[in-house]
PDB file of all heavy atoms in Angstrom:
ATOM      1  N   SER A   1     250.919 111.969 123.856  1.00  0.00           N
ATOM      2  CA  SER A   1     250.985 112.098 125.307  1.00  0.00           C
ATOM      3  C   SER A   1     249.644 112.647 125.794  1.00  0.00           C
ATOM      4  O   SER A   1     249.145 113.652 125.260  1.00  0.00           O
ATOM      5  CB  SER A   1     252.125 113.034 125.719  1.00  0.00           C
ATOM      6  OG  SER A   1     252.159 113.193 127.122  1.00  0.00           O
ATOM      7  N   GLN A   2     249.065 112.001 126.778  1.00  0.00           N
ATOM      8  CA  GLN A   2     247.739 112.371 127.268  1.00  0.00           C
ATOM      9  C   GLN A   2     247.745 112.422 128.785  1.00  0.00           C
ATOM     10  O   GLN A   2     248.283 111.531 129.453  1.00  0.00           O
ATOM     11  CB  GLN A   2     246.690 111.365 126.777  1.00  0.00           C
ATOM     12  CG  GLN A   2     245.261 111.696 127.208  1.00  0.00           C
ATOM     13  CD  GLN A   2     244.253 110.686 126.672  1.00  0.00           C
ATOM     14  OE1 GLN A   2     244.632 109.742 125.996  1.00  0.00           O
ATOM     15  NE2 GLN A   2     242.989 110.897 126.977  1.00  0.00           N
ATOM     16  N   HIS A   3     247.141 113.475 129.314  1.00  0.00           N
ATOM     17  CA  HIS A   3     246.971 113.616 130.758  1.00  0.00           C
ATOM     18  C   HIS A   3     245.493 113.866 131.015  1.00  0.00           C
ATOM     19  O   HIS A   3     244.936 114.851 130.545  1.00  0.00           O
ATOM     20  CB  HIS A   3     247.811 114.787 131.298  1.00  0.00           C
ATOM     21  CG  HIS A   3     247.848 114.847 132.795  1.00  0.00           C
ATOM     22  ND1 HIS A   3     248.846 114.270 133.542  1.00  0.00           N
ATOM     23  CD2 HIS A   3     246.992 115.405 133.681  1.00  0.00           C
ATOM     24  CE1 HIS A   3     248.619 114.481 134.826  1.00  0.00           C
ATOM     25  NE2 HIS A   3     247.486 115.175 134.935  1.00  0.00           N
ATOM     26  N   GLN A   4     244.861 113.001 131.753  1.00  0.00           N
ATOM     27  CA  GLN A   4     243.418 113.058 131.961  1.00  0.00           C
ATOM     28  C   GLN A   4     243.100 113.078 133.450  1.00  0.00           C
ATOM     29  O   GLN A   4     243.628 112.276 134.223  1.00  0.00           O
ATOM     30  CB  GLN A   4     242.734 111.859 131.292  1.00  0.00           C
ATOM     31  CG  GLN A   4     241.216 111.860 131.427  1.00  0.00           C
ATOM     32  CD  GLN A   4     240.573 110.695 130.685  1.00  0.00           C
ATOM     33  OE1 GLN A   4     241.261 109.938 130.001  1.00  0.00           O
ATOM     34  NE2 GLN A   4     239.272 110.542 130.822  1.00  0.00           N
ATOM     35  N   VAL A   5     242.247 114.020 133.844  1.00  0.00           N
ATOM     36  CA  VAL A   5     241.752 114.124 135.218  1.00  0.00           C
ATOM     37  C   VAL A   5     240.248 113.892 135.154  1.00  0.00           C
ATOM     38  O   VAL A   5     239.499 114.758 134.705  1.00  0.00           O
ATOM     39  CB  VAL A   5     242.083 115.492 135.836  1.00  0.00           C
ATOM     40  CG1 VAL A   5     241.574 115.559 137.274  1.00  0.00           C
ATOM     41  CG2 VAL A   5     243.590 115.737 135.794  1.00  0.00           C
ATOM     42  N   SER A   6     239.793 112.718 135.579  1.00  0.00           N
ATOM     43  CA  SER A   6     238.372 112.376 135.462  1.00  0.00           C
ATOM     44  C   SER A   6     237.501 113.233 136.366  1.00  0.00           C
ATOM     45  O   SER A   6     236.458 113.738 135.952  1.00  0.00           O
ATOM     46  CB  SER A   6     238.165 110.887 135.784  1.00  0.00           C
ATOM     47  OG  SER A   6     238.915 110.077 134.897  1.00  0.00           O
ATOM     48  N   LYS A   7     237.916 113.402 137.606  1.00  0.00           N
ATOM     49  CA  LYS A   7     237.164 114.201 138.570  1.00  0.00           C
ATOM     50  C   LYS A   7     238.152 115.069 139.344  1.00  0.00           C
ATOM     51  O   LYS A   7     238.833 114.580 140.239  1.00  0.00           O
ATOM     52  CB  LYS A   7     236.373 113.313 139.534  1.00  0.00           C
ATOM     53  CG  LYS A   7     235.299 112.472 138.858  1.00  0.00           C
ATOM     54  CD  LYS A   7     234.554 111.618 139.887  1.00  0.00           C
ATOM     55  CE  LYS A   7     233.487 110.766 139.221  1.00  0.00           C
ATOM     56  NZ  LYS A   7     232.758 109.932 140.198  1.00  0.00           N
ATOM     57  N   GLY A   8     238.195 116.328 138.972  1.00  0.00           N
ATOM     58  CA  GLY A   8     239.124 117.216 139.664  1.00  0.00           C
ATOM     59  C   GLY A   8     239.574 118.330 138.737  1.00  0.00           C
ATOM     60  O   GLY A   8     239.023 118.561 137.660  1.00  0.00           O
ATOM     61  N   THR A   9     240.609 119.032 139.136  1.00  0.00           N
ATOM     62  CA  THR A   9     241.143 120.182 138.423  1.00  0.00           C
ATOM     63  C   THR A   9     242.609 119.935 138.101  1.00  0.00           C
ATOM     64  O   THR A   9     243.362 119.429 138.943  1.00  0.00           O
ATOM     65  CB  THR A   9     241.009 121.456 139.271  1.00  0.00           C
ATOM     66  OG1 THR A   9     239.634 121.650 139.613  1.00  0.00           O
ATOM     67  CG2 THR A   9     241.507 122.674 138.517  1.00  0.00           C
ATOM     68  N   TYR A  10     242.980 120.277 136.893  1.00  0.00           N
ATOM     69  CA  TYR A  10     244.375 120.165 136.470  1.00  0.00           C
ATOM     70  C   TYR A  10     244.999 121.551 136.554  1.00  0.00           C
ATOM     71  O   TYR A  10     244.534 122.497 135.928  1.00  0.00           O
ATOM     72  CB  TYR A  10     244.447 119.620 135.044  1.00  0.00           C
ATOM     73  CG  TYR A  10     245.843 119.450 134.513  1.00  0.00           C
ATOM     74  CD1 TYR A  10     246.771 118.659 135.173  1.00  0.00           C
ATOM     75  CD2 TYR A  10     246.248 120.090 133.343  1.00  0.00           C
ATOM     76  CE1 TYR A  10     248.054 118.506 134.700  1.00  0.00           C
ATOM     77  CE2 TYR A  10     247.529 119.952 132.847  1.00  0.00           C
ATOM     78  CZ  TYR A  10     248.434 119.147 133.535  1.00  0.00           C
ATOM     79  OH  TYR A  10     249.715 118.996 133.070  1.00  0.00           O
ATOM     80  N   GLU A  11     246.029 121.692 137.326  1.00  0.00           N
ATOM     81  CA  GLU A  11     246.624 122.997 137.612  1.00  0.00           C
ATOM     82  C   GLU A  11     248.103 122.983 137.284  1.00  0.00           C
ATOM     83  O   GLU A  11     248.819 122.027 137.602  1.00  0.00           O
ATOM     84  CB  GLU A  11     246.415 123.362 139.082  1.00  0.00           C
ATOM     85  CG  GLU A  11     246.966 124.726 139.472  1.00  0.00           C
ATOM     86  CD  GLU A  11     246.710 125.064 140.924  1.00  0.00           C
ATOM     87  OE1 GLU A  11     245.964 124.306 141.588  1.00  0.00           O
ATOM     88  OE2 GLU A  11     247.255 126.079 141.409  1.00  0.00           O
ATOM     89  N   ILE A  12     248.551 124.050 136.634  1.00  0.00           N
ATOM     90  CA  ILE A  12     249.963 124.257 136.336  1.00  0.00           C
ATOM     91  C   ILE A  12     250.383 125.587 136.953  1.00  0.00           C
ATOM     92  O   ILE A  12     249.736 126.612 136.713  1.00  0.00           O
ATOM     93  CB  ILE A  12     250.234 124.268 134.815  1.00  0.00           C
ATOM     94  CG1 ILE A  12     249.845 122.923 134.194  1.00  0.00           C
ATOM     95  CG2 ILE A  12     251.695 124.560 134.520  1.00  0.00           C
ATOM     96  CD1 ILE A  12     250.022 122.883 132.687  1.00  0.00           C
ATOM     97  N   SER A  13     251.421 125.576 137.721  1.00  0.00           N
ATOM     98  CA  SER A  13     251.921 126.788 138.357  1.00  0.00           C
ATOM     99  C   SER A  13     253.427 126.857 138.148  1.00  0.00           C
ATOM    100  O   SER A  13     254.151 125.911 138.456  1.00  0.00           O
ATOM    101  CB  SER A  13     251.586 126.791 139.853  1.00  0.00           C
ATOM    102  OG  SER A  13     252.110 127.947 140.478  1.00  0.00           O
ATOM    103  N   ALA A  14     253.894 127.964 137.578  1.00  0.00           N
ATOM    104  CA  ALA A  14     255.320 128.156 137.329  1.00  0.00           C
ATOM    105  C   ALA A  14     255.695 129.569 137.732  1.00  0.00           C
ATOM    106  O   ALA A  14     255.013 130.529 137.351  1.00  0.00           O
ATOM    107  CB  ALA A  14     255.663 127.899 135.865  1.00  0.00           C
ATOM    108  N   GLU A  15     256.757 129.713 138.462  1.00  0.00           N
ATOM    109  CA  GLU A  15     257.151 131.027 138.956  1.00  0.00           C
ATOM    110  C   GLU A  15     257.725 131.903 137.862  1.00  0.00           C
ATOM    111  O   GLU A  15     257.499 133.119 137.833  1.00  0.00           O
ATOM    112  CB  GLU A  15     258.179 130.863 140.078  1.00  0.00           C
ATOM    113  CG  GLU A  15     258.634 132.189 140.697  1.00  0.00           C
ATOM    114  CD  GLU A  15     259.625 131.978 141.830  1.00  0.00           C
ATOM    115  OE1 GLU A  15     259.857 130.813 142.198  1.00  0.00           O
ATOM    116  OE2 GLU A  15     260.158 132.982 142.334  1.00  0.00           O
ATOM    117  N   ASN A  16     258.447 131.309 136.912  1.00  0.00           N
ATOM    118  CA  ASN A  16     259.152 132.100 135.906  1.00  0.00           C
ATOM    119  C   ASN A  16     258.509 132.054 134.527  1.00  0.00           C
ATOM    120  O   ASN A  16     259.050 132.624 133.589  1.00  0.00           O
ATOM    121  CB  ASN A  16     260.606 131.616 135.793  1.00  0.00           C
ATOM    122  CG  ASN A  16     261.350 131.783 137.104  1.00  0.00           C
ATOM    123  OD1 ASN A  16     261.127 132.746 137.831  1.00  0.00           O
ATOM    124  ND2 ASN A  16     262.228 130.845 137.418  1.00  0.00           N
ATOM    125  N   GLY A  17     257.360 131.418 134.376  1.00  0.00           N
ATOM    126  CA  GLY A  17     256.683 131.446 133.083  1.00  0.00           C
ATOM    127  C   GLY A  17     256.259 130.071 132.625  1.00  0.00           C
ATOM    128  O   GLY A  17     256.750 129.039 133.101  1.00  0.00           O
ATOM    129  N   VAL A  18     255.319 130.062 131.660  1.00  0.00           N
ATOM    130  CA  VAL A  18     254.818 128.835 131.041  1.00  0.00           C
ATOM    131  C   VAL A  18     254.940 129.009 129.538  1.00  0.00           C
ATOM    132  O   VAL A  18     254.501 130.026 128.976  1.00  0.00           O
ATOM    133  CB  VAL A  18     253.353 128.553 131.426  1.00  0.00           C
ATOM    134  CG1 VAL A  18     252.828 127.329 130.697  1.00  0.00           C
ATOM    135  CG2 VAL A  18     253.226 128.362 132.933  1.00  0.00           C
ATOM    136  N   SER A  19     255.541 128.049 128.870  1.00  0.00           N
ATOM    137  CA  SER A  19     255.737 128.102 127.431  1.00  0.00           C
ATOM    138  C   SER A  19     255.122 126.862 126.801  1.00  0.00           C
ATOM    139  O   SER A  19     255.399 125.740 127.220  1.00  0.00           O
ATOM    140  CB  SER A  19     257.232 128.192 127.095  1.00  0.00           C
ATOM    141  OG  SER A  19     257.432 128.175 125.693  1.00  0.00           O
ATOM    142  N   ILE A  20     254.256 127.069 125.797  1.00  0.00           N
ATOM    143  CA  ILE A  20     253.616 125.974 125.067  1.00  0.00           C
ATOM    144  C   ILE A  20     253.861 126.213 123.587  1.00  0.00           C
ATOM    145  O   ILE A  20     253.571 127.294 123.073  1.00  0.00           O
ATOM    146  CB  ILE A  20     252.102 125.906 125.347  1.00  0.00           C
ATOM    147  CG1 ILE A  20     251.843 125.687 126.840  1.00  0.00           C
ATOM    148  CG2 ILE A  20     251.447 124.798 124.537  1.00  0.00           C
ATOM    149  CD1 ILE A  20     250.370 125.703 127.200  1.00  0.00           C
ATOM    150  N   SER A  21     254.393 125.249 122.904  1.00  0.00           N
ATOM    151  CA  SER A  21     254.666 125.366 121.475  1.00  0.00           C
ATOM    152  C   SER A  21     254.211 124.098 120.771  1.00  0.00           C
ATOM    153  O   SER A  21     254.253 123.007 121.343  1.00  0.00           O
ATOM    154  CB  SER A  21     256.164 125.617 121.219  1.00  0.00           C
ATOM    155  OG  SER A  21     256.939 124.531 121.710  1.00  0.00           O
ATOM    156  N   ALA A  22     253.770 124.251 119.538  1.00  0.00           N
ATOM    157  CA  ALA A  22     253.333 123.122 118.724  1.00  0.00           C
ATOM    158  C   ALA A  22     253.985 123.234 117.360  1.00  0.00           C
ATOM    159  O   ALA A  22     254.028 124.320 116.776  1.00  0.00           O
ATOM    160  CB  ALA A  22     251.808 123.107 118.587  1.00  0.00           C
ATOM    161  N   GLY A  23     254.469 122.114 116.866  1.00  0.00           N
ATOM    162  CA  GLY A  23     255.125 122.106 115.569  1.00  0.00           C
ATOM    163  C   GLY A  23     256.612 122.258 115.693  1.00  0.00           C
ATOM    164  O   GLY A  23     257.133 123.366 115.759  1.00  0.00           O
ATOM    165  N   ALA A  24     257.332 121.137 115.720  1.00  0.00           N
ATOM    166  CA  ALA A  24     258.783 121.181 115.833  1.00  0.00           C
ATOM    167  C   ALA A  24     259.403 121.288 114.448  1.00  0.00           C
ATOM    168  O   ALA A  24     258.906 120.727 113.470  1.00  0.00           O
ATOM    169  CB  ALA A  24     259.295 119.910 116.541  1.00  0.00           C
ATOM    170  N   ASN A  25     260.486 122.058 114.359  1.00  0.00           N
ATOM    171  CA  ASN A  25     261.247 122.219 113.116  1.00  0.00           C
ATOM    172  C   ASN A  25     260.386 122.780 111.979  1.00  0.00           C
ATOM    173  O   ASN A  25     260.546 122.402 110.811  1.00  0.00           O
ATOM    174  CB  ASN A  25     261.873 120.883 112.693  1.00  0.00           C
ATOM    175  CG  ASN A  25     262.818 120.320 113.737  1.00  0.00           C
ATOM    176  OD1 ASN A  25     263.530 121.075 114.394  1.00  0.00           O
ATOM    177  ND2 ASN A  25     262.811 119.012 113.905  1.00  0.00           N
ATOM    178  N   GLY A  26     259.439 123.669 112.319  1.00  0.00           N
ATOM    179  CA  GLY A  26     258.622 124.296 111.293  1.00  0.00           C
ATOM    180  C   GLY A  26     257.470 123.467 110.778  1.00  0.00           C
ATOM    181  O   GLY A  26     256.815 123.847 109.797  1.00  0.00           O
ATOM    182  N   THR A  27     257.182 122.322 111.400  1.00  0.00           N
ATOM    183  CA  THR A  27     256.063 121.488 110.957  1.00  0.00           C
ATOM    184  C   THR A  27     254.750 122.129 111.400  1.00  0.00           C
ATOM    185  O   THR A  27     254.600 122.480 112.571  1.00  0.00           O
ATOM    186  CB  THR A  27     256.182 120.080 111.559  1.00  0.00           C
ATOM    187  OG1 THR A  27     257.435 119.512 111.162  1.00  0.00           O
ATOM    188  CG2 THR A  27     255.052 119.184 111.061  1.00  0.00           C
ATOM    189  N   PRO A  28     253.770 122.319 110.508  1.00  0.00           N
ATOM    190  CA  PRO A  28     252.491 122.913 110.914  1.00  0.00           C
ATOM    191  C   PRO A  28     251.781 122.052 111.956  1.00  0.00           C
ATOM    192  O   PRO A  28     251.642 120.830 111.797  1.00  0.00           O
ATOM    193  CB  PRO A  28     251.692 122.984 109.606  1.00  0.00           C
ATOM    194  CG  PRO A  28     252.721 122.934 108.522  1.00  0.00           C
ATOM    195  CD  PRO A  28     253.834 122.069 109.050  1.00  0.00           C
ATOM    196  N   ALA A  29     251.335 122.665 113.036  1.00  0.00           N
ATOM    197  CA  ALA A  29     250.635 121.962 114.109  1.00  0.00           C
ATOM    198  C   ALA A  29     249.670 122.930 114.778  1.00  0.00           C
ATOM    199  O   ALA A  29     249.833 124.149 114.709  1.00  0.00           O
ATOM    200  CB  ALA A  29     251.623 121.387 115.133  1.00  0.00           C
TER     201      ALA A  29
END
């Protein structure tokens, strides 16, 4: 999955938190 902004700013805003995880089911990532 790829999200690309050629000219501009990519912004994420969440009121209750932001969670980022890598590696499902214990797979190293």
